[in-house]
Amino acid sequence: MSFILYLIAGFAAGLLGGMGMGGGTVLIPALTILLGVEQHVAQAANLIAFLPMAAFSLKVHKERGLLKTEGIAGIVIPAVIISVLSGLVAALLPAEVLKKLFGAFLILLAVKGLLSVRLTAKKK
């Protein structure tokens, strides 16, 4: 039965990820809250699941001529460095701290979404 629950969580995360919303906003809480997976493992699973999706998206955008490569080194190099450092810091943090940080991230994401909807409604 747990395999089916993992499958459903992965499907929901993939569906939302394909629609443009980060699949991790569903996958990480589903794994930790509903399936009892440790925070570190859930976040690592989300990052691993993101890699093929990002590669596929990059390929599609390149084929459609939507990929701009000017100045890419100035974005990619700092992003890789910060990602590696953040991963190392996350590995050292206790699971409770990671849970709180992820919760704060979700709250900020919700507030950003709310403000975006309000600004769009005001423009109309």
N, C-alpha and C. Protein backbone atom coordinates (compact mmCIF):
# COMPACT_ATOMS: atom_id res chain seq x y z
N MET A 1 0.82 -1.20 0.00
CA MET A 1 0.00 0.00 0.00
C MET A 1 0.86 1.26 0.00
N SER A 2 2.00 1.23 0.73
CA SER A 2 2.82 2.44 0.79
C SER A 2 3.39 2.79 -0.58
N PHE A 3 3.66 1.79 -1.43
CA PHE A 3 4.15 2.07 -2.77
C PHE A 3 3.15 2.92 -3.54
N ILE A 4 1.89 2.61 -3.40
CA ILE A 4 0.83 3.36 -4.08
C ILE A 4 0.80 4.80 -3.58
N LEU A 5 0.98 5.00 -2.28
CA LEU A 5 1.00 6.35 -1.73
C LEU A 5 2.20 7.14 -2.25
N TYR A 6 3.36 6.50 -2.33
CA TYR A 6 4.54 7.15 -2.90
C TYR A 6 4.30 7.51 -4.37
N LEU A 7 3.66 6.61 -5.08
CA LEU A 7 3.35 6.83 -6.48
C LEU A 7 2.40 8.02 -6.65
N ILE A 8 1.39 8.10 -5.81
CA ILE A 8 0.44 9.22 -5.87
C ILE A 8 1.13 10.54 -5.55
N ALA A 9 1.98 10.53 -4.52
CA ALA A 9 2.71 11.75 -4.15
C ALA A 9 3.61 12.19 -5.30
N GLY A 10 4.30 11.26 -5.92
CA GLY A 10 5.18 11.57 -7.05
C GLY A 10 4.40 12.07 -8.25
N PHE A 11 3.25 11.47 -8.50
CA PHE A 11 2.40 11.90 -9.62
C PHE A 11 1.90 13.32 -9.40
N ALA A 12 1.42 13.61 -8.20
CA ALA A 12 0.92 14.96 -7.89
C ALA A 12 2.04 16.00 -8.01
N ALA A 13 3.20 15.66 -7.51
CA ALA A 13 4.34 16.59 -7.59
C ALA A 13 4.75 16.80 -9.04
N GLY A 14 4.78 15.75 -9.83
CA GLY A 14 5.14 15.87 -11.25
C GLY A 14 4.12 16.67 -12.03
N LEU A 15 2.86 16.47 -11.72
CA LEU A 15 1.79 17.21 -12.38
C LEU A 15 1.92 18.71 -12.10
N LEU A 16 2.10 19.04 -10.83
CA LEU A 16 2.25 20.46 -10.48
C LEU A 16 3.54 21.04 -11.03
N GLY A 17 4.60 20.26 -11.01
CA GLY A 17 5.87 20.72 -11.58
C GLY A 17 5.73 20.99 -13.07
N GLY A 18 4.98 20.16 -13.75
CA GLY A 18 4.75 20.35 -15.18
C GLY A 18 3.89 21.56 -15.49
N MET A 19 3.08 21.98 -14.54
CA MET A 19 2.24 23.16 -14.73
C MET A 19 2.95 24.45 -14.33
N GLY A 20 4.18 24.32 -13.88
CA GLY A 20 4.95 25.52 -13.55
C GLY A 20 5.10 25.78 -12.06
N MET A 21 4.32 25.13 -11.25
CA MET A 21 4.47 25.29 -9.80
C MET A 21 5.49 24.26 -9.34
N GLY A 22 6.33 24.62 -8.43
CA GLY A 22 7.33 23.68 -7.95
C GLY A 22 6.71 22.42 -7.37
N GLY A 23 7.09 21.28 -7.90
CA GLY A 23 6.55 20.02 -7.41
C GLY A 23 6.94 19.73 -5.97
N GLY A 24 8.05 20.33 -5.52
CA GLY A 24 8.50 20.13 -4.15
C GLY A 24 7.55 20.70 -3.12
N THR A 25 6.73 21.68 -3.53
CA THR A 25 5.76 22.23 -2.58
C THR A 25 4.70 21.20 -2.23
N VAL A 26 4.57 20.18 -3.05
CA VAL A 26 3.65 19.08 -2.75
C VAL A 26 4.42 17.85 -2.27
N LEU A 27 5.51 17.55 -2.97
CA LEU A 27 6.24 16.31 -2.69
C LEU A 27 6.84 16.28 -1.29
N ILE A 28 7.50 17.34 -0.88
CA ILE A 28 8.16 17.33 0.43
C ILE A 28 7.15 17.20 1.57
N PRO A 29 6.07 18.02 1.61
CA PRO A 29 5.09 17.81 2.68
C PRO A 29 4.41 16.44 2.61
N ALA A 30 4.13 15.96 1.40
CA ALA A 30 3.49 14.64 1.28
C ALA A 30 4.39 13.55 1.84
N LEU A 31 5.68 13.63 1.51
CA LEU A 31 6.60 12.61 2.01
C LEU A 31 6.79 12.70 3.52
N THR A 32 6.93 13.93 4.05
CA THR A 32 7.21 14.07 5.48
C THR A 32 5.96 13.90 6.34
N ILE A 33 4.89 14.56 5.98
CA ILE A 33 3.69 14.56 6.82
C ILE A 33 2.87 13.28 6.62
N LEU A 34 2.62 12.93 5.38
CA LEU A 34 1.73 11.80 5.10
C LEU A 34 2.44 10.45 5.15
N LEU A 35 3.70 10.43 4.74
CA LEU A 35 4.38 9.13 4.63
C LEU A 35 5.49 8.94 5.65
N GLY A 36 5.75 9.94 6.50
CA GLY A 36 6.71 9.80 7.59
C GLY A 36 8.17 9.74 7.18
N VAL A 37 8.49 10.24 6.01
CA VAL A 37 9.88 10.25 5.54
C VAL A 37 10.62 11.38 6.27
N GLU A 38 11.88 11.17 6.60
CA GLU A 38 12.68 12.20 7.27
C GLU A 38 12.86 13.40 6.34
N GLN A 39 12.95 14.59 6.94
CA GLN A 39 13.05 15.83 6.17
C GLN A 39 14.24 15.83 5.20
N HIS A 40 15.41 15.40 5.66
CA HIS A 40 16.59 15.37 4.80
C HIS A 40 16.36 14.47 3.58
N VAL A 41 15.75 13.34 3.81
CA VAL A 41 15.52 12.37 2.73
C VAL A 41 14.49 12.93 1.74
N ALA A 42 13.43 13.55 2.27
CA ALA A 42 12.39 14.12 1.41
C ALA A 42 12.96 15.24 0.53
N GLN A 43 13.77 16.09 1.10
CA GLN A 43 14.36 17.18 0.33
C GLN A 43 15.36 16.65 -0.70
N ALA A 44 16.11 15.64 -0.34
CA ALA A 44 17.04 15.03 -1.30
C ALA A 44 16.27 14.36 -2.44
N ALA A 45 15.20 13.66 -2.11
CA ALA A 45 14.37 13.02 -3.14
C ALA A 45 13.79 14.06 -4.09
N ASN A 46 13.37 15.20 -3.55
CA ASN A 46 12.83 16.27 -4.38
C ASN A 46 13.90 16.81 -5.34
N LEU A 47 15.11 17.00 -4.83
CA LEU A 47 16.19 17.50 -5.68
C LEU A 47 16.54 16.51 -6.78
N ILE A 48 16.57 15.24 -6.44
CA ILE A 48 16.88 14.21 -7.43
C ILE A 48 15.77 14.13 -8.48
N ALA A 49 14.52 14.23 -8.05
CA ALA A 49 13.39 14.20 -8.98
C ALA A 49 13.39 15.42 -9.89
N PHE A 50 13.94 16.52 -9.42
CA PHE A 50 13.97 17.76 -10.19
C PHE A 50 14.93 17.69 -11.37
N LEU A 51 16.02 16.94 -11.23
CA LEU A 51 17.05 16.91 -12.27
C LEU A 51 16.53 16.48 -13.65
N PRO A 52 15.82 15.35 -13.79
CA PRO A 52 15.35 14.99 -15.13
C PRO A 52 14.31 15.98 -15.67
N MET A 53 13.48 16.53 -14.78
CA MET A 53 12.48 17.50 -15.20
C MET A 53 13.16 18.77 -15.73
N ALA A 54 14.21 19.22 -15.03
CA ALA A 54 14.93 20.41 -15.46
C ALA A 54 15.64 20.16 -16.79
N ALA A 55 16.23 18.99 -16.94
CA ALA A 55 16.93 18.65 -18.19
C ALA A 55 15.94 18.61 -19.36
N PHE A 56 14.79 18.03 -19.13
CA PHE A 56 13.76 17.95 -20.17
C PHE A 56 13.25 19.35 -20.54
N SER A 57 13.00 20.17 -19.53
CA SER A 57 12.53 21.54 -19.78
C SER A 57 13.57 22.34 -20.56
N LEU A 58 14.81 22.19 -20.18
CA LEU A 58 15.90 22.89 -20.87
C LEU A 58 15.94 22.48 -22.35
N LYS A 59 15.81 21.19 -22.60
CA LYS A 59 15.81 20.68 -23.97
C LYS A 59 14.65 21.26 -24.78
N VAL A 60 13.46 21.26 -24.20
CA VAL A 60 12.27 21.78 -24.89
C VAL A 60 12.42 23.27 -25.19
N HIS A 61 12.88 24.03 -24.20
CA HIS A 61 13.04 25.48 -24.41
C HIS A 61 14.10 25.77 -25.47
N LYS A 62 15.16 24.97 -25.49
CA LYS A 62 16.22 25.16 -26.49
C LYS A 62 15.68 24.86 -27.88
N GLU A 63 14.93 23.77 -28.03
CA GLU A 63 14.36 23.40 -29.32
C GLU A 63 13.40 24.46 -29.84
N ARG A 64 12.69 25.13 -28.95
CA ARG A 64 11.73 26.16 -29.35
C ARG A 64 12.36 27.54 -29.49
N GLY A 65 13.66 27.61 -29.31
CA GLY A 65 14.36 28.89 -29.45
C GLY A 65 14.10 29.86 -28.31
N LEU A 66 13.71 29.35 -27.17
CA LEU A 66 13.39 30.20 -26.02
C LEU A 66 14.54 30.31 -25.03
N LEU A 67 15.65 29.70 -25.34
CA LEU A 67 16.79 29.70 -24.43
C LEU A 67 17.78 30.79 -24.83
N LYS A 68 17.97 31.74 -23.94
CA LYS A 68 18.93 32.82 -24.18
C LYS A 68 20.21 32.48 -23.43
N THR A 69 21.32 32.50 -24.14
CA THR A 69 22.58 32.08 -23.52
C THR A 69 23.51 33.24 -23.18
N GLU A 70 23.15 34.46 -23.56
CA GLU A 70 24.00 35.60 -23.22
C GLU A 70 24.01 35.79 -21.71
N GLY A 71 25.20 35.92 -21.16
CA GLY A 71 25.34 36.17 -19.73
C GLY A 71 25.02 34.98 -18.84
N ILE A 72 24.94 33.81 -19.44
CA ILE A 72 24.53 32.63 -18.68
C ILE A 72 25.56 32.25 -17.60
N ALA A 73 26.84 32.48 -17.89
CA ALA A 73 27.88 32.13 -16.91
C ALA A 73 27.70 32.94 -15.63
N GLY A 74 27.28 34.19 -15.77
CA GLY A 74 27.07 35.04 -14.60
C GLY A 74 25.90 34.60 -13.74
N ILE A 75 25.05 33.75 -14.28
CA ILE A 75 23.92 33.20 -13.52
C ILE A 75 24.24 31.79 -13.02
N VAL A 76 24.76 30.96 -13.92
CA VAL A 76 24.98 29.55 -13.60
C VAL A 76 26.08 29.35 -12.56
N ILE A 77 27.20 30.03 -12.72
CA ILE A 77 28.32 29.82 -11.79
C ILE A 77 27.94 30.16 -10.35
N PRO A 78 27.37 31.35 -10.08
CA PRO A 78 26.95 31.62 -8.69
C PRO A 78 25.86 30.66 -8.21
N ALA A 79 24.94 30.28 -9.11
CA ALA A 79 23.87 29.36 -8.72
C ALA A 79 24.42 28.01 -8.29
N VAL A 80 25.40 27.50 -9.03
CA VAL A 80 26.00 26.20 -8.69
C VAL A 80 26.74 26.31 -7.35
N ILE A 81 27.50 27.38 -7.17
CA ILE A 81 28.25 27.55 -5.92
C ILE A 81 27.30 27.64 -4.73
N ILE A 82 26.26 28.47 -4.86
CA ILE A 82 25.30 28.64 -3.76
C ILE A 82 24.53 27.35 -3.51
N SER A 83 24.19 26.61 -4.57
CA SER A 83 23.48 25.35 -4.41
C SER A 83 24.31 24.33 -3.64
N VAL A 84 25.58 24.22 -4.00
CA VAL A 84 26.45 23.27 -3.31
C VAL A 84 26.61 23.67 -1.85
N LEU A 85 26.89 24.94 -1.61
CA LEU A 85 27.04 25.41 -0.22
C LEU A 85 25.75 25.22 0.58
N SER A 86 24.62 25.51 -0.04
CA SER A 86 23.34 25.34 0.66
C SER A 86 23.08 23.87 0.97
N GLY A 87 23.44 22.99 0.04
CA GLY A 87 23.29 21.56 0.28
C GLY A 87 24.14 21.09 1.44
N LEU A 88 25.36 21.60 1.51
CA LEU A 88 26.25 21.23 2.62
C LEU A 88 25.70 21.74 3.96
N VAL A 89 25.21 22.97 3.96
CA VAL A 89 24.62 23.53 5.18
C VAL A 89 23.38 22.73 5.58
N ALA A 90 22.54 22.41 4.61
CA ALA A 90 21.31 21.64 4.91
C ALA A 90 21.65 20.27 5.49
N ALA A 91 22.72 19.65 5.00
CA ALA A 91 23.13 18.34 5.52
C ALA A 91 23.56 18.42 6.98
N LEU A 92 24.06 19.58 7.39
CA LEU A 92 24.52 19.75 8.77
C LEU A 92 23.41 20.18 9.73
N LEU A 93 22.33 20.73 9.18
CA LEU A 93 21.24 21.23 10.03
C LEU A 93 20.38 20.08 10.56
N PRO A 94 19.88 20.23 11.78
CA PRO A 94 18.93 19.23 12.29
C PRO A 94 17.63 19.26 11.48
N ALA A 95 16.94 18.13 11.43
CA ALA A 95 15.71 18.02 10.66
C ALA A 95 14.67 19.04 11.10
N GLU A 96 14.59 19.32 12.39
CA GLU A 96 13.60 20.29 12.88
C GLU A 96 13.85 21.68 12.30
N VAL A 97 15.10 22.06 12.18
CA VAL A 97 15.43 23.38 11.60
C VAL A 97 15.05 23.40 10.13
N LEU A 98 15.35 22.30 9.41
CA LEU A 98 14.99 22.22 8.00
C LEU A 98 13.48 22.31 7.82
N LYS A 99 12.73 21.64 8.68
CA LYS A 99 11.26 21.70 8.61
C LYS A 99 10.77 23.12 8.77
N LYS A 100 11.32 23.83 9.74
CA LYS A 100 10.89 25.21 9.98
C LYS A 100 11.28 26.12 8.82
N LEU A 101 12.47 25.94 8.29
CA LEU A 101 12.90 26.74 7.14
C LEU A 101 12.03 26.46 5.92
N PHE A 102 11.70 25.20 5.70
CA PHE A 102 10.84 24.85 4.56
C PHE A 102 9.44 25.41 4.78
N GLY A 103 8.94 25.34 6.00
CA GLY A 103 7.64 25.93 6.31
C GLY A 103 7.62 27.43 6.05
N ALA A 104 8.68 28.11 6.45
CA ALA A 104 8.78 29.55 6.21
C ALA A 104 8.82 29.83 4.71
N PHE A 105 9.54 28.98 3.96
CA PHE A 105 9.59 29.13 2.51
C PHE A 105 8.19 29.00 1.91
N LEU A 106 7.42 28.01 2.37
CA LEU A 106 6.07 27.82 1.84
C LEU A 106 5.17 29.01 2.17
N ILE A 107 5.32 29.56 3.37
CA ILE A 107 4.53 30.74 3.74
C ILE A 107 4.89 31.92 2.84
N LEU A 108 6.19 32.15 2.64
CA LEU A 108 6.62 33.23 1.74
C LEU A 108 6.11 33.02 0.32
N LEU A 109 6.11 31.79 -0.13
CA LEU A 109 5.61 31.47 -1.46
C LEU A 109 4.12 31.78 -1.56
N ALA A 110 3.36 31.44 -0.52
CA ALA A 110 1.93 31.73 -0.50
C ALA A 110 1.66 33.23 -0.50
N VAL A 111 2.41 33.97 0.30
CA VAL A 111 2.25 35.43 0.35
C VAL A 111 2.57 36.04 -1.01
N LYS A 112 3.65 35.59 -1.62
CA LYS A 112 4.03 36.09 -2.95
C LYS A 112 2.91 35.82 -3.95
N GLY A 113 2.35 34.63 -3.91
CA GLY A 113 1.25 34.28 -4.81
C GLY A 113 0.03 35.13 -4.58
N LEU A 114 -0.28 35.37 -3.31
CA LEU A 114 -1.42 36.22 -2.98
C LEU A 114 -1.23 37.64 -3.48
N LEU A 115 -0.05 38.19 -3.26
CA LEU A 115 0.25 39.54 -3.72
C LEU A 115 0.21 39.62 -5.24
N SER A 116 0.69 38.61 -5.91
CA SER A 116 0.67 38.57 -7.36
C SER A 116 -0.76 38.58 -7.88
N VAL A 117 -1.63 37.80 -7.26
CA VAL A 117 -3.03 37.75 -7.66
C VAL A 117 -3.70 39.11 -7.42
N ARG A 118 -3.42 39.71 -6.29
CA ARG A 118 -4.00 41.03 -5.98
C ARG A 118 -3.54 42.09 -6.98
N LEU A 119 -2.24 42.10 -7.31
CA LEU A 119 -1.73 43.08 -8.27
C LEU A 119 -2.35 42.89 -9.64
N THR A 120 -2.52 41.64 -10.05
CA THR A 120 -3.14 41.34 -11.34
C THR A 120 -4.60 41.80 -11.34
N ALA A 121 -5.30 41.59 -10.23
CA ALA A 121 -6.72 41.99 -10.13
C ALA A 121 -6.84 43.52 -10.16
N LYS A 122 -5.92 44.23 -9.53
CA LYS A 122 -5.95 45.69 -9.53
C LYS A 122 -5.70 46.27 -10.91
N LYS A 123 -4.85 45.60 -11.71
CA LYS A 123 -4.54 46.08 -13.05
C LYS A 123 -5.73 45.95 -13.99
N LYS A 124 -6.61 45.02 -13.70
CA LYS A 124 -7.78 44.80 -14.55
C LYS A 124 -8.83 45.76 -14.15
